[in-house]
Amino acid sequence: MDERVNAGPIMSVNRSGGSIAAPLRILLVDDDAQRGAMLERTLSEAGHRVVAQASGTDDLLDHVRAHGPDMIIVDVSSPNRDMLEHMRHVSREQARPIVMFVDDTDEAMAVEAVKAGVTSYVVDGLSPARVKPIMNVAIARFRALQELRDELDKARATLVERKLVERAKGILMAQRGLSEEDAYRALRKLAMDKGKRLAEIAEQVIAISDLLAPPKA
């Protein structure tokens, strides 16, 4: 099952792009202790809390599972393939907004970072004054992407359910000589009587039909 829904509570963003004040729990990834301390101080002054720090070689998914951050902030000179793979695992299983500050410009790496789930990829390193607006934009983007993914998942689920109902109708039409409309009515009535969704009843009809079907030669 897709676990992207486990996104955790994060700051709301209003229509104008501004943020509604709320403390965020941050997972900070930085191999430079001095730079990491500066960023943690900046975040603390903004009312947020660094719940864990990790290095670029750590398994980020383990940290996300252990600490449940609302956002991941990465500050590195240049990301490597292993780090991006860790981010890809997080995005697949425990999606969070990810902000990455880098010193080096690498268009190919930027593309790979976005594919791995990085919400905001910021070149030219970290400036304390830029942190808050960049975080707000990252959250807004993350929310928008999550909504699109949710809509796509719902559309896929609806299509699957529709196919189940169509197949179940076909079984009733073939085995009981019903019209398409009567077959649908029979499925809907059974669903109402059982207090179940139409797709569930359709799935049961298909399962029983498969069970009773003569074995193939």
N, C-alpha and C. Protein backbone atom coordinates (compact mmCIF):
# COMPACT_ATOMS: atom_id res chain seq x y z
N MET A 1 0.85 -1.19 0.00
CA MET A 1 0.00 0.00 0.00
C MET A 1 0.88 1.23 0.00
N ASP A 2 0.43 2.29 -0.73
CA ASP A 2 1.18 3.52 -0.79
C ASP A 2 1.10 4.22 0.53
N GLU A 3 2.26 4.51 1.14
CA GLU A 3 2.29 5.12 2.46
C GLU A 3 2.55 6.61 2.42
N ARG A 4 2.39 7.25 1.24
CA ARG A 4 2.63 8.66 1.16
C ARG A 4 1.68 9.45 2.02
N VAL A 5 0.57 8.87 2.38
CA VAL A 5 -0.38 9.58 3.22
C VAL A 5 0.17 9.81 4.61
N ASN A 6 1.19 9.08 5.03
CA ASN A 6 1.76 9.25 6.36
C ASN A 6 2.70 10.45 6.36
N ALA A 7 2.16 11.59 6.04
CA ALA A 7 2.99 12.76 5.88
C ALA A 7 3.20 13.53 7.18
N GLY A 8 2.48 13.19 8.22
CA GLY A 8 2.67 13.86 9.48
C GLY A 8 2.08 15.26 9.46
N PRO A 9 1.86 15.86 10.64
CA PRO A 9 1.30 17.21 10.70
C PRO A 9 2.35 18.23 10.31
N ILE A 10 2.04 19.12 9.35
CA ILE A 10 2.97 20.17 9.00
C ILE A 10 2.24 21.49 8.95
N MET A 11 2.98 22.57 8.87
CA MET A 11 2.43 23.91 8.89
C MET A 11 1.45 24.12 7.75
N SER A 12 0.34 24.79 8.05
CA SER A 12 -0.62 25.14 7.01
C SER A 12 -0.10 26.35 6.25
N VAL A 13 -0.55 26.46 4.99
CA VAL A 13 -0.15 27.60 4.16
C VAL A 13 -1.40 28.27 3.63
N ASN A 14 -1.48 29.59 3.76
CA ASN A 14 -2.68 30.26 3.29
C ASN A 14 -2.60 30.55 1.80
N ARG A 15 -3.65 31.12 1.23
CA ARG A 15 -3.74 31.32 -0.22
C ARG A 15 -2.69 32.27 -0.75
N SER A 16 -2.24 33.19 0.08
CA SER A 16 -1.25 34.16 -0.37
C SER A 16 0.16 33.62 -0.29
N GLY A 17 0.30 32.39 0.21
CA GLY A 17 1.62 31.78 0.28
C GLY A 17 2.28 31.94 1.62
N GLY A 18 1.71 32.76 2.50
CA GLY A 18 2.27 32.93 3.83
C GLY A 18 1.97 31.75 4.70
N SER A 19 2.70 31.61 5.79
CA SER A 19 2.50 30.46 6.65
C SER A 19 1.72 30.85 7.89
N ILE A 20 0.93 29.94 8.38
CA ILE A 20 0.24 30.12 9.65
C ILE A 20 1.18 29.62 10.74
N ALA A 21 1.51 30.47 11.66
CA ALA A 21 2.53 30.16 12.65
C ALA A 21 2.24 28.85 13.37
N ALA A 22 3.18 27.95 13.29
CA ALA A 22 3.08 26.69 14.00
C ALA A 22 4.48 26.10 14.06
N PRO A 23 4.87 25.57 15.21
CA PRO A 23 6.23 25.01 15.30
C PRO A 23 6.37 23.74 14.47
N LEU A 24 7.48 23.64 13.79
CA LEU A 24 7.77 22.45 13.01
C LEU A 24 8.86 21.63 13.68
N ARG A 25 8.73 20.32 13.57
CA ARG A 25 9.77 19.41 14.03
C ARG A 25 10.65 19.09 12.82
N ILE A 26 11.94 19.40 12.94
CA ILE A 26 12.85 19.33 11.80
C ILE A 26 13.88 18.22 11.96
N LEU A 27 14.07 17.44 10.90
CA LEU A 27 15.22 16.54 10.81
C LEU A 27 16.27 17.28 9.99
N LEU A 28 17.43 17.55 10.58
CA LEU A 28 18.48 18.32 9.94
C LEU A 28 19.59 17.39 9.47
N VAL A 29 19.93 17.49 8.21
CA VAL A 29 21.00 16.67 7.63
C VAL A 29 22.13 17.59 7.22
N ASP A 30 23.28 17.46 7.91
CA ASP A 30 24.41 18.35 7.63
C ASP A 30 25.68 17.70 8.18
N ASP A 31 26.70 17.59 7.34
CA ASP A 31 27.96 17.00 7.77
C ASP A 31 28.89 18.04 8.41
N ASP A 32 28.54 19.30 8.32
CA ASP A 32 29.37 20.37 8.88
C ASP A 32 28.75 20.81 10.21
N ALA A 33 29.43 20.51 11.31
CA ALA A 33 28.89 20.79 12.64
C ALA A 33 28.62 22.27 12.86
N GLN A 34 29.55 23.13 12.42
CA GLN A 34 29.39 24.57 12.63
C GLN A 34 28.21 25.10 11.82
N ARG A 35 28.11 24.67 10.59
CA ARG A 35 27.01 25.11 9.74
C ARG A 35 25.67 24.58 10.26
N GLY A 36 25.70 23.33 10.74
CA GLY A 36 24.48 22.74 11.30
C GLY A 36 24.01 23.48 12.54
N ALA A 37 24.96 23.90 13.38
CA ALA A 37 24.61 24.64 14.60
C ALA A 37 23.99 25.99 14.24
N MET A 38 24.52 26.64 13.21
CA MET A 38 23.98 27.93 12.77
C MET A 38 22.54 27.77 12.27
N LEU A 39 22.31 26.72 11.49
CA LEU A 39 20.96 26.48 10.95
C LEU A 39 19.99 26.11 12.07
N GLU A 40 20.45 25.31 13.02
CA GLU A 40 19.58 24.94 14.15
C GLU A 40 19.20 26.18 14.95
N ARG A 41 20.15 27.09 15.12
CA ARG A 41 19.87 28.34 15.86
C ARG A 41 18.84 29.19 15.09
N THR A 42 19.01 29.25 13.78
CA THR A 42 18.06 30.01 12.93
C THR A 42 16.66 29.43 13.04
N LEU A 43 16.57 28.11 12.99
CA LEU A 43 15.27 27.45 13.08
C LEU A 43 14.64 27.65 14.45
N SER A 44 15.48 27.58 15.48
CA SER A 44 14.97 27.77 16.84
C SER A 44 14.44 29.18 17.04
N GLU A 45 15.13 30.17 16.49
CA GLU A 45 14.68 31.56 16.59
C GLU A 45 13.36 31.77 15.87
N ALA A 46 13.11 30.94 14.85
CA ALA A 46 11.85 31.03 14.11
C ALA A 46 10.74 30.23 14.78
N GLY A 47 11.06 29.60 15.91
CA GLY A 47 10.05 28.86 16.66
C GLY A 47 9.97 27.38 16.36
N HIS A 48 10.90 26.87 15.57
CA HIS A 48 10.88 25.45 15.21
C HIS A 48 11.88 24.67 16.05
N ARG A 49 11.84 23.37 15.95
CA ARG A 49 12.70 22.54 16.78
C ARG A 49 13.37 21.44 15.95
N VAL A 50 14.67 21.33 16.06
CA VAL A 50 15.41 20.25 15.41
C VAL A 50 15.32 19.03 16.33
N VAL A 51 14.59 18.01 15.89
CA VAL A 51 14.39 16.83 16.73
C VAL A 51 15.48 15.80 16.55
N ALA A 52 16.24 15.92 15.45
CA ALA A 52 17.33 14.98 15.21
C ALA A 52 18.24 15.55 14.15
N GLN A 53 19.53 15.18 14.24
CA GLN A 53 20.49 15.55 13.20
C GLN A 53 21.08 14.28 12.61
N ALA A 54 21.33 14.31 11.32
CA ALA A 54 21.86 13.14 10.62
C ALA A 54 22.97 13.58 9.69
N SER A 55 23.79 12.65 9.32
CA SER A 55 24.83 12.93 8.33
C SER A 55 24.33 12.49 6.96
N GLY A 56 25.06 12.89 5.94
CA GLY A 56 24.65 12.56 4.59
C GLY A 56 24.70 11.09 4.27
N THR A 57 25.38 10.32 5.10
CA THR A 57 25.50 8.88 4.86
C THR A 57 24.50 8.06 5.67
N ASP A 58 23.74 8.72 6.54
CA ASP A 58 22.77 8.00 7.39
C ASP A 58 21.57 7.53 6.57
N ASP A 59 20.90 6.52 7.12
CA ASP A 59 19.63 6.08 6.54
C ASP A 59 18.54 7.03 7.03
N LEU A 60 18.09 7.93 6.16
CA LEU A 60 17.13 8.94 6.57
C LEU A 60 15.79 8.35 6.96
N LEU A 61 15.41 7.25 6.32
CA LEU A 61 14.13 6.63 6.63
C LEU A 61 14.09 6.17 8.08
N ASP A 62 15.20 5.65 8.59
CA ASP A 62 15.26 5.25 10.00
C ASP A 62 15.03 6.45 10.92
N HIS A 63 15.63 7.59 10.57
CA HIS A 63 15.46 8.79 11.39
C HIS A 63 14.02 9.29 11.35
N VAL A 64 13.41 9.24 10.17
CA VAL A 64 12.02 9.68 10.03
C VAL A 64 11.10 8.79 10.85
N ARG A 65 11.32 7.49 10.80
CA ARG A 65 10.50 6.57 11.58
C ARG A 65 10.68 6.80 13.08
N ALA A 66 11.91 7.08 13.48
CA ALA A 66 12.21 7.21 14.91
C ALA A 66 11.73 8.53 15.49
N HIS A 67 11.80 9.61 14.71
CA HIS A 67 11.56 10.95 15.27
C HIS A 67 10.31 11.64 14.72
N GLY A 68 9.75 11.14 13.62
CA GLY A 68 8.53 11.72 13.07
C GLY A 68 8.61 13.21 12.78
N PRO A 69 9.63 13.66 12.04
CA PRO A 69 9.74 15.10 11.75
C PRO A 69 8.65 15.56 10.79
N ASP A 70 8.37 16.88 10.82
CA ASP A 70 7.43 17.46 9.87
C ASP A 70 8.11 17.84 8.57
N MET A 71 9.42 18.07 8.64
CA MET A 71 10.18 18.50 7.47
C MET A 71 11.61 18.02 7.59
N ILE A 72 12.25 17.81 6.44
CA ILE A 72 13.67 17.46 6.40
C ILE A 72 14.41 18.60 5.72
N ILE A 73 15.45 19.10 6.36
CA ILE A 73 16.29 20.14 5.76
C ILE A 73 17.69 19.58 5.59
N VAL A 74 18.18 19.64 4.37
CA VAL A 74 19.51 19.11 4.04
C VAL A 74 20.40 20.26 3.61
N ASP A 75 21.57 20.37 4.22
CA ASP A 75 22.52 21.42 3.87
C ASP A 75 23.86 20.76 3.55
N VAL A 76 24.16 20.66 2.27
CA VAL A 76 25.38 19.97 1.84
C VAL A 76 26.05 20.77 0.73
N SER A 77 27.34 20.49 0.54
CA SER A 77 28.04 21.14 -0.57
C SER A 77 27.51 20.62 -1.90
N SER A 78 27.40 19.29 -1.97
CA SER A 78 26.88 18.66 -3.19
C SER A 78 26.31 17.31 -2.81
N PRO A 79 25.07 17.01 -3.18
CA PRO A 79 24.48 15.71 -2.83
C PRO A 79 25.11 14.58 -3.65
N ASN A 80 25.09 13.39 -3.08
CA ASN A 80 25.59 12.24 -3.83
C ASN A 80 24.45 11.25 -4.09
N ARG A 81 24.74 10.24 -4.88
CA ARG A 81 23.70 9.29 -5.28
C ARG A 81 23.12 8.54 -4.09
N ASP A 82 23.97 8.18 -3.13
CA ASP A 82 23.48 7.44 -1.96
C ASP A 82 22.49 8.28 -1.15
N MET A 83 22.80 9.55 -0.98
CA MET A 83 21.91 10.44 -0.23
C MET A 83 20.57 10.56 -0.93
N LEU A 84 20.59 10.71 -2.25
CA LEU A 84 19.35 10.82 -3.00
C LEU A 84 18.53 9.54 -2.92
N GLU A 85 19.21 8.42 -2.88
CA GLU A 85 18.49 7.14 -2.76
C GLU A 85 17.79 7.05 -1.40
N HIS A 86 18.46 7.53 -0.35
CA HIS A 86 17.82 7.56 0.97
C HIS A 86 16.57 8.45 0.94
N MET A 87 16.67 9.57 0.26
CA MET A 87 15.51 10.47 0.16
C MET A 87 14.38 9.83 -0.63
N ARG A 88 14.75 9.08 -1.64
CA ARG A 88 13.73 8.39 -2.44
C ARG A 88 12.96 7.39 -1.57
N HIS A 89 13.65 6.70 -0.68
CA HIS A 89 12.99 5.75 0.22
C HIS A 89 12.02 6.49 1.16
N VAL A 90 12.45 7.65 1.66
CA VAL A 90 11.58 8.44 2.54
C VAL A 90 10.34 8.87 1.78
N SER A 91 10.51 9.37 0.56
CA SER A 91 9.39 9.88 -0.22
C SER A 91 8.38 8.79 -0.56
N ARG A 92 8.87 7.57 -0.71
CA ARG A 92 7.98 6.46 -1.03
C ARG A 92 7.20 5.97 0.18
N GLU A 93 7.85 5.98 1.34
CA GLU A 93 7.25 5.34 2.51
C GLU A 93 6.77 6.29 3.59
N GLN A 94 7.44 7.43 3.76
CA GLN A 94 7.08 8.38 4.82
C GLN A 94 7.26 9.80 4.29
N ALA A 95 6.49 10.17 3.29
CA ALA A 95 6.72 11.43 2.58
C ALA A 95 6.72 12.64 3.51
N ARG A 96 7.70 13.50 3.31
CA ARG A 96 7.83 14.75 4.04
C ARG A 96 8.32 15.82 3.08
N PRO A 97 8.04 17.10 3.37
CA PRO A 97 8.69 18.17 2.59
C PRO A 97 10.20 18.09 2.82
N ILE A 98 10.97 18.17 1.76
CA ILE A 98 12.43 18.12 1.86
C ILE A 98 13.00 19.37 1.21
N VAL A 99 13.75 20.14 1.98
CA VAL A 99 14.45 21.32 1.47
C VAL A 99 15.94 20.99 1.42
N MET A 100 16.56 21.23 0.27
CA MET A 100 17.99 20.94 0.12
C MET A 100 18.74 22.20 -0.28
N PHE A 101 19.69 22.60 0.56
CA PHE A 101 20.58 23.72 0.25
C PHE A 101 21.91 23.13 -0.24
N VAL A 102 22.36 23.56 -1.41
CA VAL A 102 23.62 23.05 -1.97
C VAL A 102 24.51 24.23 -2.38
N ASP A 103 25.81 23.97 -2.40
CA ASP A 103 26.77 25.00 -2.82
C ASP A 103 27.05 24.93 -4.32
N ASP A 104 27.07 23.73 -4.86
CA ASP A 104 27.46 23.53 -6.26
C ASP A 104 26.25 23.45 -7.17
N THR A 105 26.37 24.05 -8.33
CA THR A 105 25.32 23.98 -9.34
C THR A 105 25.55 22.77 -10.23
N ASP A 106 24.57 21.88 -10.29
CA ASP A 106 24.65 20.69 -11.13
C ASP A 106 23.23 20.39 -11.60
N GLU A 107 22.94 20.74 -12.84
CA GLU A 107 21.58 20.62 -13.34
C GLU A 107 21.10 19.18 -13.30
N ALA A 108 21.97 18.25 -13.68
CA ALA A 108 21.58 16.84 -13.68
C ALA A 108 21.26 16.36 -12.27
N MET A 109 22.07 16.80 -11.31
CA MET A 109 21.84 16.39 -9.92
C MET A 109 20.55 17.02 -9.38
N ALA A 110 20.28 18.25 -9.80
CA ALA A 110 19.04 18.91 -9.37
C ALA A 110 17.83 18.14 -9.86
N VAL A 111 17.87 17.68 -11.10
CA VAL A 111 16.77 16.88 -11.65
C VAL A 111 16.60 15.59 -10.87
N GLU A 112 17.71 14.94 -10.56
CA GLU A 112 17.65 13.69 -9.80
C GLU A 112 17.11 13.93 -8.39
N ALA A 113 17.48 15.07 -7.80
CA ALA A 113 17.01 15.39 -6.45
C ALA A 113 15.49 15.57 -6.44
N VAL A 114 14.95 16.26 -7.44
CA VAL A 114 13.50 16.45 -7.51
C VAL A 114 12.81 15.10 -7.71
N LYS A 115 13.38 14.25 -8.55
CA LYS A 115 12.82 12.91 -8.76
C LYS A 115 12.83 12.10 -7.47
N ALA A 116 13.84 12.36 -6.62
CA ALA A 116 13.96 11.62 -5.36
C ALA A 116 13.01 12.14 -4.29
N GLY A 117 12.32 13.27 -4.57
CA GLY A 117 11.36 13.78 -3.60
C GLY A 117 11.71 15.10 -2.96
N VAL A 118 12.83 15.72 -3.39
CA VAL A 118 13.20 17.02 -2.83
C VAL A 118 12.19 18.06 -3.29
N THR A 119 11.61 18.77 -2.34
CA THR A 119 10.57 19.75 -2.64
C THR A 119 11.16 21.07 -3.12
N SER A 120 12.23 21.52 -2.46
CA SER A 120 12.90 22.76 -2.86
C SER A 120 14.40 22.49 -2.92
N TYR A 121 14.99 22.77 -4.07
CA TYR A 121 16.43 22.59 -4.30
C TYR A 121 17.03 23.97 -4.46
N VAL A 122 17.81 24.40 -3.46
CA VAL A 122 18.29 25.78 -3.40
C VAL A 122 19.80 25.81 -3.59
N VAL A 123 20.25 26.46 -4.67
CA VAL A 123 21.67 26.56 -5.00
C VAL A 123 22.28 27.79 -4.34
N ASP A 124 23.58 27.77 -4.16
CA ASP A 124 24.36 28.87 -3.57
C ASP A 124 24.33 28.84 -2.05
N GLY A 125 24.05 27.68 -1.51
CA GLY A 125 24.19 27.53 -0.07
C GLY A 125 23.08 28.15 0.75
N LEU A 126 23.33 28.21 2.05
CA LEU A 126 22.31 28.59 3.02
C LEU A 126 22.54 30.00 3.52
N SER A 127 21.47 30.78 3.51
CA SER A 127 21.47 32.11 4.11
C SER A 127 20.34 32.14 5.12
N PRO A 128 20.60 32.51 6.37
CA PRO A 128 19.55 32.51 7.40
C PRO A 128 18.30 33.27 7.00
N ALA A 129 18.46 34.38 6.28
CA ALA A 129 17.31 35.19 5.90
C ALA A 129 16.40 34.47 4.90
N ARG A 130 16.95 33.48 4.19
CA ARG A 130 16.17 32.79 3.16
C ARG A 130 15.43 31.58 3.71
N VAL A 131 15.77 31.15 4.90
CA VAL A 131 15.25 29.88 5.41
C VAL A 131 13.73 29.88 5.52
N LYS A 132 13.16 30.90 6.18
CA LYS A 132 11.72 30.90 6.42
C LYS A 132 10.90 30.93 5.13
N PRO A 133 11.15 31.86 4.19
CA PRO A 133 10.35 31.85 2.95
C PRO A 133 10.52 30.57 2.14
N ILE A 134 11.72 30.01 2.15
CA ILE A 134 11.95 28.77 1.41
C ILE A 134 11.17 27.62 2.04
N MET A 135 11.13 27.59 3.36
CA MET A 135 10.35 26.55 4.05
C MET A 135 8.87 26.68 3.71
N ASN A 136 8.37 27.92 3.70
CA ASN A 136 6.96 28.13 3.39
C ASN A 136 6.61 27.66 1.99
N VAL A 137 7.47 27.99 1.04
CA VAL A 137 7.25 27.56 -0.35
C VAL A 137 7.31 26.04 -0.44
N ALA A 138 8.26 25.43 0.25
CA ALA A 138 8.39 23.97 0.21
C ALA A 138 7.14 23.29 0.74
N ILE A 139 6.58 23.82 1.82
CA ILE A 139 5.36 23.24 2.40
C ILE A 139 4.20 23.38 1.43
N ALA A 140 4.07 24.57 0.82
CA ALA A 140 3.00 24.78 -0.14
C ALA A 140 3.11 23.81 -1.32
N ARG A 141 4.32 23.63 -1.82
CA ARG A 141 4.54 22.70 -2.94
C ARG A 141 4.21 21.27 -2.52
N PHE A 142 4.65 20.92 -1.34
CA PHE A 142 4.41 19.56 -0.85
C PHE A 142 2.92 19.28 -0.74
N ARG A 143 2.18 20.23 -0.18
CA ARG A 143 0.74 20.06 -0.05
C ARG A 143 0.08 19.91 -1.43
N ALA A 144 0.51 20.74 -2.37
CA ALA A 144 -0.07 20.68 -3.72
C ALA A 144 0.21 19.33 -4.37
N LEU A 145 1.44 18.84 -4.21
CA LEU A 145 1.79 17.55 -4.79
C LEU A 145 1.01 16.41 -4.14
N GLN A 146 0.86 16.50 -2.82
CA GLN A 146 0.10 15.46 -2.12
C GLN A 146 -1.35 15.43 -2.59
N GLU A 147 -1.94 16.60 -2.80
CA GLU A 147 -3.32 16.66 -3.27
C GLU A 147 -3.45 16.04 -4.65
N LEU A 148 -2.48 16.34 -5.53
CA LEU A 148 -2.51 15.76 -6.87
C LEU A 148 -2.38 14.24 -6.81
N ARG A 149 -1.48 13.76 -5.95
CA ARG A 149 -1.29 12.32 -5.81
C ARG A 149 -2.53 11.65 -5.24
N ASP A 150 -3.16 12.31 -4.27
CA ASP A 150 -4.38 11.75 -3.68
C ASP A 150 -5.49 11.66 -4.73
N GLU A 151 -5.61 12.72 -5.55
CA GLU A 151 -6.62 12.70 -6.60
C GLU A 151 -6.36 11.58 -7.61
N LEU A 152 -5.09 11.38 -7.94
CA LEU A 152 -4.73 10.32 -8.88
C LEU A 152 -5.03 8.95 -8.29
N ASP A 153 -4.71 8.79 -7.00
CA ASP A 153 -4.98 7.51 -6.34
C ASP A 153 -6.48 7.22 -6.30
N LYS A 154 -7.29 8.27 -6.03
CA LYS A 154 -8.74 8.09 -5.99
C LYS A 154 -9.27 7.72 -7.37
N ALA A 155 -8.73 8.37 -8.40
CA ALA A 155 -9.17 8.06 -9.76
C ALA A 155 -8.84 6.63 -10.13
N ARG A 156 -7.65 6.18 -9.74
CA ARG A 156 -7.26 4.80 -10.02
C ARG A 156 -8.16 3.82 -9.27
N ALA A 157 -8.45 4.12 -8.01
CA ALA A 157 -9.31 3.25 -7.21
C ALA A 157 -10.70 3.17 -7.81
N THR A 158 -11.21 4.32 -8.27
CA THR A 158 -12.54 4.34 -8.89
C THR A 158 -12.57 3.49 -10.15
N LEU A 159 -11.51 3.56 -10.93
CA LEU A 159 -11.44 2.77 -12.17
C LEU A 159 -11.41 1.28 -11.86
N VAL A 160 -10.64 0.91 -10.84
CA VAL A 160 -10.56 -0.50 -10.44
C VAL A 160 -11.93 -0.99 -9.98
N GLU A 161 -12.61 -0.19 -9.16
CA GLU A 161 -13.93 -0.59 -8.66
C GLU A 161 -14.93 -0.72 -9.80
N ARG A 162 -14.85 0.20 -10.75
CA ARG A 162 -15.77 0.15 -11.88
C ARG A 162 -15.58 -1.14 -12.69
N LYS A 163 -14.32 -1.52 -12.85
CA LYS A 163 -14.03 -2.76 -13.59
C LYS A 163 -14.57 -3.98 -12.84
N LEU A 164 -14.47 -3.96 -11.51
CA LEU A 164 -15.00 -5.06 -10.71
C LEU A 164 -16.51 -5.19 -10.89
N VAL A 165 -17.19 -4.05 -10.83
CA VAL A 165 -18.66 -4.06 -10.98
C VAL A 165 -19.05 -4.54 -12.37
N GLU A 166 -18.34 -4.08 -13.39
CA GLU A 166 -18.65 -4.51 -14.75
C GLU A 166 -18.47 -6.02 -14.91
N ARG A 167 -17.41 -6.54 -14.30
CA ARG A 167 -17.17 -7.98 -14.41
C ARG A 167 -18.23 -8.76 -13.66
N ALA A 168 -18.61 -8.29 -12.48
CA ALA A 168 -19.65 -8.97 -11.69
C ALA A 168 -20.98 -8.93 -12.42
N LYS A 169 -21.30 -7.81 -13.04
CA LYS A 169 -22.53 -7.73 -13.83
C LYS A 169 -22.52 -8.75 -14.96
N GLY A 170 -21.38 -8.87 -15.61
CA GLY A 170 -21.26 -9.84 -16.70
C GLY A 170 -21.50 -11.26 -16.24
N ILE A 171 -21.02 -11.58 -15.03
CA ILE A 171 -21.22 -12.93 -14.48
C ILE A 171 -22.70 -13.19 -14.24
N LEU A 172 -23.38 -12.22 -13.63
CA LEU A 172 -24.82 -12.39 -13.36
C LEU A 172 -25.63 -12.46 -14.65
N MET A 173 -25.25 -11.69 -15.62
CA MET A 173 -25.95 -11.71 -16.90
C MET A 173 -25.80 -13.06 -17.58
N ALA A 174 -24.59 -13.63 -17.49
CA ALA A 174 -24.34 -14.90 -18.15
C ALA A 174 -24.95 -16.08 -17.40
N GLN A 175 -24.85 -16.05 -16.06
CA GLN A 175 -25.29 -17.21 -15.28
C GLN A 175 -26.77 -17.17 -14.91
N ARG A 176 -27.36 -15.97 -14.82
CA ARG A 176 -28.77 -15.87 -14.42
C ARG A 176 -29.66 -15.29 -15.51
N GLY A 177 -29.09 -15.00 -16.64
CA GLY A 177 -29.87 -14.49 -17.76
C GLY A 177 -30.46 -13.12 -17.51
N LEU A 178 -29.78 -12.30 -16.71
CA LEU A 178 -30.30 -10.97 -16.39
C LEU A 178 -29.85 -9.95 -17.44
N SER A 179 -30.63 -8.88 -17.54
CA SER A 179 -30.20 -7.75 -18.35
C SER A 179 -29.11 -7.01 -17.59
N GLU A 180 -28.41 -6.12 -18.26
CA GLU A 180 -27.36 -5.36 -17.59
C GLU A 180 -27.93 -4.52 -16.45
N GLU A 181 -29.07 -3.90 -16.68
CA GLU A 181 -29.69 -3.08 -15.65
C GLU A 181 -30.13 -3.91 -14.46
N ASP A 182 -30.73 -5.09 -14.72
CA ASP A 182 -31.16 -5.95 -13.62
C ASP A 182 -29.98 -6.50 -12.84
N ALA A 183 -28.90 -6.81 -13.55
CA ALA A 183 -27.70 -7.30 -12.88
C ALA A 183 -27.14 -6.24 -11.93
N TYR A 184 -27.15 -5.00 -12.40
CA TYR A 184 -26.66 -3.91 -11.56
C TYR A 184 -27.57 -3.72 -10.34
N ARG A 185 -28.87 -3.78 -10.56
CA ARG A 185 -29.82 -3.64 -9.46
C ARG A 185 -29.62 -4.73 -8.42
N ALA A 186 -29.36 -5.96 -8.89
CA ALA A 186 -29.16 -7.08 -7.98
C ALA A 186 -27.92 -6.86 -7.12
N LEU A 187 -26.85 -6.39 -7.74
CA LEU A 187 -25.62 -6.11 -6.99
C LEU A 187 -25.84 -4.98 -5.98
N ARG A 188 -26.52 -3.94 -6.41
CA ARG A 188 -26.76 -2.80 -5.53
C ARG A 188 -27.65 -3.18 -4.34
N LYS A 189 -28.67 -4.00 -4.60
CA LYS A 189 -29.56 -4.44 -3.51
C LYS A 189 -28.80 -5.28 -2.50
N LEU A 190 -27.96 -6.18 -3.01
CA LEU A 190 -27.18 -7.03 -2.11
C LEU A 190 -26.23 -6.19 -1.28
N ALA A 191 -25.64 -5.20 -1.90
CA ALA A 191 -24.73 -4.30 -1.17
C ALA A 191 -25.47 -3.57 -0.06
N MET A 192 -26.69 -3.09 -0.36
CA MET A 192 -27.48 -2.37 0.65
C MET A 192 -27.92 -3.30 1.77
N ASP A 193 -28.33 -4.53 1.40
CA ASP A 193 -28.77 -5.49 2.42
C ASP A 193 -27.62 -5.88 3.35
N LYS A 194 -26.43 -6.00 2.78
CA LYS A 194 -25.26 -6.42 3.58
C LYS A 194 -24.55 -5.24 4.24
N GLY A 195 -24.92 -4.03 3.86
CA GLY A 195 -24.25 -2.85 4.41
C GLY A 195 -22.82 -2.74 3.95
N LYS A 196 -22.58 -3.13 2.69
CA LYS A 196 -21.23 -3.09 2.15
C LYS A 196 -21.20 -2.23 0.90
N ARG A 197 -19.99 -1.87 0.50
CA ARG A 197 -19.82 -1.12 -0.73
C ARG A 197 -20.07 -2.01 -1.94
N LEU A 198 -20.54 -1.38 -3.02
CA LEU A 198 -20.86 -2.12 -4.24
C LEU A 198 -19.65 -2.88 -4.76
N ALA A 199 -18.47 -2.26 -4.68
CA ALA A 199 -17.26 -2.91 -5.18
C ALA A 199 -16.92 -4.16 -4.37
N GLU A 200 -17.21 -4.13 -3.07
CA GLU A 200 -16.94 -5.30 -2.23
C GLU A 200 -17.83 -6.48 -2.64
N ILE A 201 -19.10 -6.19 -2.88
CA ILE A 201 -20.02 -7.24 -3.31
C ILE A 201 -19.60 -7.78 -4.67
N ALA A 202 -19.22 -6.89 -5.57
CA ALA A 202 -18.77 -7.32 -6.89
C ALA A 202 -17.56 -8.24 -6.78
N GLU A 203 -16.65 -7.88 -5.89
CA GLU A 203 -15.45 -8.70 -5.70
C GLU A 203 -15.82 -10.09 -5.16
N GLN A 204 -16.80 -10.15 -4.27
CA GLN A 204 -17.24 -11.44 -3.73
C GLN A 204 -17.90 -12.30 -4.81
N VAL A 205 -18.72 -11.66 -5.65
CA VAL A 205 -19.36 -12.39 -6.76
C VAL A 205 -18.30 -12.99 -7.68
N ILE A 206 -17.29 -12.21 -7.98
CA ILE A 206 -16.21 -12.68 -8.86
C ILE A 206 -15.46 -13.84 -8.21
N ALA A 207 -15.19 -13.71 -6.90
CA ALA A 207 -14.44 -14.75 -6.20
C ALA A 207 -15.22 -16.06 -6.17
N ILE A 208 -16.54 -15.98 -5.91
CA ILE A 208 -17.37 -17.19 -5.87
C ILE A 208 -17.45 -17.81 -7.26
N SER A 209 -17.59 -16.98 -8.28
CA SER A 209 -17.65 -17.48 -9.65
C SER A 209 -16.36 -18.21 -10.03
N ASP A 210 -15.24 -17.62 -9.64
CA ASP A 210 -13.94 -18.26 -9.93
C ASP A 210 -13.81 -19.58 -9.17
N LEU A 211 -14.33 -19.60 -7.93
CA LEU A 211 -14.24 -20.82 -7.12
C LEU A 211 -15.08 -21.95 -7.72
N LEU A 212 -16.24 -21.62 -8.24
CA LEU A 212 -17.15 -22.64 -8.77
C LEU A 212 -16.91 -22.97 -10.25
N ALA A 213 -16.05 -22.22 -10.86
CA ALA A 213 -15.78 -22.48 -12.29
C ALA A 213 -15.09 -23.83 -12.44
N PRO A 214 -15.42 -24.59 -13.47
CA PRO A 214 -14.79 -25.89 -13.69
C PRO A 214 -13.30 -25.72 -13.96
N PRO A 215 -12.49 -26.64 -13.48
CA PRO A 215 -11.03 -26.49 -13.69
C PRO A 215 -10.71 -26.53 -15.18
N LYS A 216 -9.70 -25.75 -15.51
CA LYS A 216 -9.26 -25.71 -16.89
C LYS A 216 -8.49 -26.97 -17.24
N ALA A 217 -8.71 -27.43 -18.45
CA ALA A 217 -8.03 -28.66 -18.88
C ALA A 217 -6.55 -28.42 -19.05
